[in-house]
Amino acid sequence: MAETNLAALVESLLFVADEPVSVGRLAEALERTPGEVERALRELEESLLGHGLELERMGSRVQMVTRPEAAAAVERFLGLGGRRRLSPAALETLAVIAYRQPVSRPEIEVVRGVNCDSVLRTLLSAGLIEEVGRGATVGRPILYGVTFAFLQHFGLGRLEELPPLEAVGADAEEQAGVAESPPA
């Protein structure tokens, strides 16, 4: 089996998968090593440049999805309504989870300074976050992380595409007009 064929086989498996698949699972199904599958994924990713599909990754899981630029056309074609609008509270909570995951509700509330129960329920029902485990602290609080739906909603291929926190803070200060003035 040539490497090019391996990329085509990986593409086939991702096409029929109804959910994100781990590299290990792909390797097992193809009777190859995870390293070989990773090389095939990189080759597939390159071959998809300029096409309507792309690979989306979160940790060791990967999924083939339509490009964010096609979202409006795909939604119209499938008869889906526009994207769900998120409140400022939901966006703030999502940002805390995305940058600090895995994170518990009490940790989110410390950052935001308000109760987050209803926002977390909304984000869970929208499929943008999920329970990813339990904390090791007293009470073993539920830990939350973002999902592939989060990546799709924001047009990201992987979590590493989130802007660095320093850039986010600087942009917010600049937009608010509170950027530091140069020393006199």
C-alpha atoms as a PDB file:
ATOM      1  CA  MET A   1       0.000   0.000   0.000  1.00  0.00           C
ATOM      2  CA  ALA A   2       1.652   3.251  -1.132  1.00  0.00           C
ATOM      3  CA  GLU A   3       1.552   6.412   1.020  1.00  0.00           C
ATOM      4  CA  THR A   4      -0.693   8.140  -1.544  1.00  0.00           C
ATOM      5  CA  ASN A   5      -3.169   5.286  -1.250  1.00  0.00           C
ATOM      6  CA  LEU A   6      -3.043   5.598   2.516  1.00  0.00           C
ATOM      7  CA  ALA A   7      -4.119   9.268   2.291  1.00  0.00           C
ATOM      8  CA  ALA A   8      -7.015   8.216   0.048  1.00  0.00           C
ATOM      9  CA  LEU A   9      -8.027   5.503   2.513  1.00  0.00           C
ATOM     10  CA  VAL A  10      -7.882   7.971   5.423  1.00  0.00           C
ATOM     11  CA  GLU A  11     -10.051  10.342   3.383  1.00  0.00           C
ATOM     12  CA  SER A  12     -12.571   7.542   2.792  1.00  0.00           C
ATOM     13  CA  LEU A  13     -12.781   6.688   6.480  1.00  0.00           C
ATOM     14  CA  LEU A  14     -13.210  10.315   7.487  1.00  0.00           C
ATOM     15  CA  PHE A  15     -15.884  10.761   4.831  1.00  0.00           C
ATOM     16  CA  VAL A  16     -18.027   7.934   6.233  1.00  0.00           C
ATOM     17  CA  ALA A  17     -17.362   8.697   9.912  1.00  0.00           C
ATOM     18  CA  ASP A  18     -20.340  10.319  11.610  1.00  0.00           C
ATOM     19  CA  GLU A  19     -18.201  11.847  14.353  1.00  0.00           C
ATOM     20  CA  PRO A  20     -14.587  12.875  14.993  1.00  0.00           C
ATOM     21  CA  VAL A  21     -12.178   9.927  14.871  1.00  0.00           C
ATOM     22  CA  SER A  22      -8.934   9.468  16.783  1.00  0.00           C
ATOM     23  CA  VAL A  23      -5.695   8.953  14.901  1.00  0.00           C
ATOM     24  CA  GLY A  24      -5.320   5.699  16.858  1.00  0.00           C
ATOM     25  CA  ARG A  25      -8.677   4.429  15.613  1.00  0.00           C
ATOM     26  CA  LEU A  26      -7.744   5.289  12.009  1.00  0.00           C
ATOM     27  CA  ALA A  27      -4.390   3.533  12.434  1.00  0.00           C
ATOM     28  CA  GLU A  28      -6.111   0.467  13.874  1.00  0.00           C
ATOM     29  CA  ALA A  29      -8.656   0.297  11.054  1.00  0.00           C
ATOM     30  CA  LEU A  30      -5.965   0.717   8.404  1.00  0.00           C
ATOM     31  CA  GLU A  31      -3.482  -1.592  10.164  1.00  0.00           C
ATOM     32  CA  ARG A  32      -0.877   1.179  10.148  1.00  0.00           C
ATOM     33  CA  THR A  33       1.057   3.114  12.769  1.00  0.00           C
ATOM     34  CA  PRO A  34      -0.247   6.422  14.097  1.00  0.00           C
ATOM     35  CA  GLY A  35       2.837   8.103  12.569  1.00  0.00           C
ATOM     36  CA  GLU A  36       1.922   6.802   9.116  1.00  0.00           C
ATOM     37  CA  VAL A  37      -1.651   8.014   9.568  1.00  0.00           C
ATOM     38  CA  GLU A  38      -0.403  11.459  10.685  1.00  0.00           C
ATOM     39  CA  ARG A  39       1.693  11.720   7.502  1.00  0.00           C
ATOM     40  CA  ALA A  40      -1.340  10.681   5.441  1.00  0.00           C
ATOM     41  CA  LEU A  41      -3.464  13.311   7.242  1.00  0.00           C
ATOM     42  CA  ARG A  42      -0.918  16.029   6.407  1.00  0.00           C
ATOM     43  CA  GLU A  43      -0.940  14.893   2.765  1.00  0.00           C
ATOM     44  CA  LEU A  44      -4.743  14.886   2.721  1.00  0.00           C
ATOM     45  CA  GLU A  45      -4.851  18.333   4.335  1.00  0.00           C
ATOM     46  CA  GLU A  46      -2.557  19.700   1.609  1.00  0.00           C
ATOM     47  CA  SER A  47      -4.617  18.096  -1.146  1.00  0.00           C
ATOM     48  CA  LEU A  48      -7.797  19.715   0.208  1.00  0.00           C
ATOM     49  CA  LEU A  49      -6.398  23.264  -0.020  1.00  0.00           C
ATOM     50  CA  GLY A  50      -8.604  25.296  -2.328  1.00  0.00           C
ATOM     51  CA  HIS A  51     -11.450  22.752  -2.110  1.00  0.00           C
ATOM     52  CA  GLY A  52     -14.755  22.845  -0.258  1.00  0.00           C
ATOM     53  CA  LEU A  53     -13.626  20.517   2.515  1.00  0.00           C
ATOM     54  CA  GLU A  54     -10.970  20.701   5.213  1.00  0.00           C
ATOM     55  CA  LEU A  55      -9.731  18.695   8.161  1.00  0.00           C
ATOM     56  CA  GLU A  56     -10.666  19.843  11.615  1.00  0.00           C
ATOM     57  CA  ARG A  57      -8.552  18.658  14.556  1.00  0.00           C
ATOM     58  CA  MET A  58      -8.929  18.697  18.291  1.00  0.00           C
ATOM     59  CA  GLY A  59      -6.208  16.837  20.122  1.00  0.00           C
ATOM     60  CA  SER A  60      -5.772  13.464  18.467  1.00  0.00           C
ATOM     61  CA  ARG A  61      -9.278  13.495  16.959  1.00  0.00           C
ATOM     62  CA  VAL A  62      -9.887  14.559  13.380  1.00  0.00           C
ATOM     63  CA  GLN A  63     -12.959  15.157  11.226  1.00  0.00           C
ATOM     64  CA  MET A  64     -13.605  16.177   7.627  1.00  0.00           C
ATOM     65  CA  VAL A  65     -15.885  19.214   7.396  1.00  0.00           C
ATOM     66  CA  THR A  66     -17.021  21.826   4.902  1.00  0.00           C
ATOM     67  CA  ARG A  67     -15.055  25.071   4.853  1.00  0.00           C
ATOM     68  CA  PRO A  68     -16.494  27.924   6.944  1.00  0.00           C
ATOM     69  CA  GLU A  69     -16.844  30.078   3.806  1.00  0.00           C
ATOM     70  CA  ALA A  70     -19.444  27.595   2.516  1.00  0.00           C
ATOM     71  CA  ALA A  71     -21.592  27.732   5.671  1.00  0.00           C
ATOM     72  CA  ALA A  72     -24.310  30.026   4.308  1.00  0.00           C
ATOM     73  CA  ALA A  73     -24.714  28.018   1.090  1.00  0.00           C
ATOM     74  CA  VAL A  74     -24.734  24.688   2.966  1.00  0.00           C
ATOM     75  CA  GLU A  75     -27.320  26.002   5.452  1.00  0.00           C
ATOM     76  CA  ARG A  76     -29.574  27.184   2.611  1.00  0.00           C
ATOM     77  CA  PHE A  77     -29.148  23.881   0.759  1.00  0.00           C
ATOM     78  CA  LEU A  78     -30.041  21.871   3.854  1.00  0.00           C
ATOM     79  CA  GLY A  79     -32.880  24.214   4.808  1.00  0.00           C
ATOM     80  CA  LEU A  80     -31.279  25.152   8.094  1.00  0.00           C
ATOM     81  CA  GLY A  81     -31.801  28.509   9.744  1.00  0.00           C
ATOM     82  CA  GLY A  82     -28.930  30.892  10.234  1.00  0.00           C
ATOM     83  CA  ARG A  83     -26.359  30.322  12.909  1.00  0.00           C
ATOM     84  CA  ARG A  84     -27.546  30.499  16.461  1.00  0.00           C
ATOM     85  CA  ARG A  85     -26.816  33.927  17.913  1.00  0.00           C
ATOM     86  CA  LEU A  86     -24.856  33.809  21.122  1.00  0.00           C
ATOM     87  CA  SER A  87     -25.334  36.319  23.916  1.00  0.00           C
ATOM     88  CA  PRO A  88     -22.354  38.260  25.258  1.00  0.00           C
ATOM     89  CA  ALA A  89     -22.527  36.085  28.406  1.00  0.00           C
ATOM     90  CA  ALA A  90     -22.383  32.911  26.298  1.00  0.00           C
ATOM     91  CA  LEU A  91     -19.442  34.271  24.291  1.00  0.00           C
ATOM     92  CA  GLU A  92     -17.557  35.222  27.466  1.00  0.00           C
ATOM     93  CA  THR A  93     -18.172  31.800  28.967  1.00  0.00           C
ATOM     94  CA  LEU A  94     -17.119  30.076  25.753  1.00  0.00           C
ATOM     95  CA  ALA A  95     -13.898  32.092  25.699  1.00  0.00           C
ATOM     96  CA  VAL A  96     -13.067  31.102  29.276  1.00  0.00           C
ATOM     97  CA  ILE A  97     -13.715  27.435  28.486  1.00  0.00           C
ATOM     98  CA  ALA A  98     -11.805  27.491  25.187  1.00  0.00           C
ATOM     99  CA  TYR A  99      -8.691  29.082  26.680  1.00  0.00           C
ATOM    100  CA  ARG A 100      -8.673  27.352  30.084  1.00  0.00           C
ATOM    101  CA  GLN A 101     -10.117  23.907  29.365  1.00  0.00           C
ATOM    102  CA  PRO A 102     -10.651  21.655  31.106  1.00  0.00           C
ATOM    103  CA  VAL A 103     -12.321  24.088  33.484  1.00  0.00           C
ATOM    104  CA  SER A 104     -15.009  23.779  36.173  1.00  0.00           C
ATOM    105  CA  ARG A 105     -18.094  25.944  36.686  1.00  0.00           C
ATOM    106  CA  PRO A 106     -16.651  27.527  39.866  1.00  0.00           C
ATOM    107  CA  GLU A 107     -13.464  28.449  37.964  1.00  0.00           C
ATOM    108  CA  ILE A 108     -15.529  30.010  35.164  1.00  0.00           C
ATOM    109  CA  GLU A 109     -17.577  31.958  37.708  1.00  0.00           C
ATOM    110  CA  VAL A 110     -14.413  33.301  39.376  1.00  0.00           C
ATOM    111  CA  VAL A 111     -13.228  34.653  36.015  1.00  0.00           C
ATOM    112  CA  ARG A 112     -16.626  36.051  34.973  1.00  0.00           C
ATOM    113  CA  GLY A 113     -17.763  37.157  38.430  1.00  0.00           C
ATOM    114  CA  VAL A 114     -21.328  35.891  37.934  1.00  0.00           C
ATOM    115  CA  ASN A 115     -23.319  32.659  38.143  1.00  0.00           C
ATOM    116  CA  CYS A 116     -22.971  30.641  34.927  1.00  0.00           C
ATOM    117  CA  ASP A 117     -25.506  27.825  35.403  1.00  0.00           C
ATOM    118  CA  SER A 118     -27.981  28.898  32.719  1.00  0.00           C
ATOM    119  CA  VAL A 119     -25.262  29.872  30.229  1.00  0.00           C
ATOM    120  CA  LEU A 120     -23.590  26.476  30.673  1.00  0.00           C
ATOM    121  CA  ARG A 121     -26.940  24.714  30.103  1.00  0.00           C
ATOM    122  CA  THR A 122     -27.451  26.746  26.919  1.00  0.00           C
ATOM    123  CA  LEU A 123     -23.949  25.985  25.619  1.00  0.00           C
ATOM    124  CA  LEU A 124     -24.331  22.287  26.458  1.00  0.00           C
ATOM    125  CA  SER A 125     -27.689  22.079  24.660  1.00  0.00           C
ATOM    126  CA  ALA A 126     -26.191  23.887  21.648  1.00  0.00           C
ATOM    127  CA  GLY A 127     -23.415  21.289  21.583  1.00  0.00           C
ATOM    128  CA  LEU A 128     -20.673  23.928  21.810  1.00  0.00           C
ATOM    129  CA  ILE A 129     -19.263  22.547  25.076  1.00  0.00           C
ATOM    130  CA  GLU A 130     -19.203  19.133  26.695  1.00  0.00           C
ATOM    131  CA  GLU A 131     -18.347  17.517  30.000  1.00  0.00           C
ATOM    132  CA  VAL A 132     -14.776  16.252  29.722  1.00  0.00           C
ATOM    133  CA  GLY A 133     -14.232  14.821  33.182  1.00  0.00           C
ATOM    134  CA  ARG A 134     -14.248  15.552  36.885  1.00  0.00           C
ATOM    135  CA  GLY A 135     -11.925  17.790  38.865  1.00  0.00           C
ATOM    136  CA  ALA A 136      -9.597  16.405  41.518  1.00  0.00           C
ATOM    137  CA  THR A 137     -10.733  19.031  44.057  1.00  0.00           C
ATOM    138  CA  VAL A 138     -13.345  18.713  46.803  1.00  0.00           C
ATOM    139  CA  GLY A 139     -16.727  17.779  45.376  1.00  0.00           C
ATOM    140  CA  ARG A 140     -15.137  16.571  42.125  1.00  0.00           C
ATOM    141  CA  PRO A 141     -16.714  19.325  39.991  1.00  0.00           C
ATOM    142  CA  ILE A 142     -17.592  18.670  36.349  1.00  0.00           C
ATOM    143  CA  LEU A 143     -14.934  19.899  33.931  1.00  0.00           C
ATOM    144  CA  TYR A 144     -15.955  21.452  30.627  1.00  0.00           C
ATOM    145  CA  GLY A 145     -14.246  21.698  27.255  1.00  0.00           C
ATOM    146  CA  VAL A 146     -15.273  22.884  23.803  1.00  0.00           C
ATOM    147  CA  THR A 147     -16.501  20.537  21.077  1.00  0.00           C
ATOM    148  CA  PHE A 148     -16.012  20.121  17.356  1.00  0.00           C
ATOM    149  CA  ALA A 149     -19.269  22.086  16.951  1.00  0.00           C
ATOM    150  CA  PHE A 150     -17.470  25.010  18.649  1.00  0.00           C
ATOM    151  CA  LEU A 151     -14.688  24.798  16.067  1.00  0.00           C
ATOM    152  CA  GLN A 152     -17.232  24.666  13.245  1.00  0.00           C
ATOM    153  CA  HIS A 153     -19.282  27.548  14.655  1.00  0.00           C
ATOM    154  CA  PHE A 154     -16.233  29.810  14.733  1.00  0.00           C
ATOM    155  CA  GLY A 155     -14.642  28.514  11.534  1.00  0.00           C
ATOM    156  CA  LEU A 156     -11.586  27.047  13.242  1.00  0.00           C
ATOM    157  CA  GLY A 157      -9.682  23.990  12.086  1.00  0.00           C
ATOM    158  CA  ARG A 158      -8.106  23.388  15.503  1.00  0.00           C
ATOM    159  CA  LEU A 159      -7.916  25.046  18.918  1.00  0.00           C
ATOM    160  CA  GLU A 160      -4.418  26.303  18.171  1.00  0.00           C
ATOM    161  CA  GLU A 161      -6.009  28.747  15.691  1.00  0.00           C
ATOM    162  CA  LEU A 162      -7.530  30.734  18.565  1.00  0.00           C
ATOM    163  CA  PRO A 163      -5.777  34.098  18.819  1.00  0.00           C
ATOM    164  CA  PRO A 164      -3.242  34.331  21.638  1.00  0.00           C
ATOM    165  CA  LEU A 165      -4.722  35.782  24.814  1.00  0.00           C
ATOM    166  CA  GLU A 166      -2.311  38.728  24.784  1.00  0.00           C
ATOM    167  CA  ALA A 167      -3.577  39.725  21.319  1.00  0.00           C
ATOM    168  CA  VAL A 168      -7.188  39.371  22.424  1.00  0.00           C
ATOM    169  CA  GLY A 169      -6.599  41.599  25.463  1.00  0.00           C
ATOM    170  CA  ALA A 170      -4.711  44.221  23.455  1.00  0.00           C
ATOM    171  CA  ASP A 171      -7.413  44.320  20.765  1.00  0.00           C
ATOM    172  CA  ALA A 172     -10.154  44.696  23.369  1.00  0.00           C
ATOM    173  CA  GLU A 173      -8.301  47.530  25.126  1.00  0.00           C
ATOM    174  CA  GLU A 174      -7.642  49.266  21.820  1.00  0.00           C
ATOM    175  CA  GLN A 175     -11.304  48.995  20.785  1.00  0.00           C
ATOM    176  CA  ALA A 176     -12.409  50.319  24.159  1.00  0.00           C
ATOM    177  CA  GLY A 177     -10.004  53.253  23.811  1.00  0.00           C
ATOM    178  CA  VAL A 178      -8.044  52.377  26.931  1.00  0.00           C
ATOM    179  CA  ALA A 179      -4.792  51.383  25.280  1.00  0.00           C
ATOM    180  CA  GLU A 180      -1.854  52.582  27.304  1.00  0.00           C
ATOM    181  CA  SER A 181      -0.499  55.919  26.265  1.00  0.00           C
ATOM    182  CA  PRO A 182       3.252  56.210  25.767  1.00  0.00           C
ATOM    183  CA  PRO A 183       5.228  57.368  28.807  1.00  0.00           C
ATOM    184  CA  ALA A 184       5.844  61.113  28.954  1.00  0.00           C
END
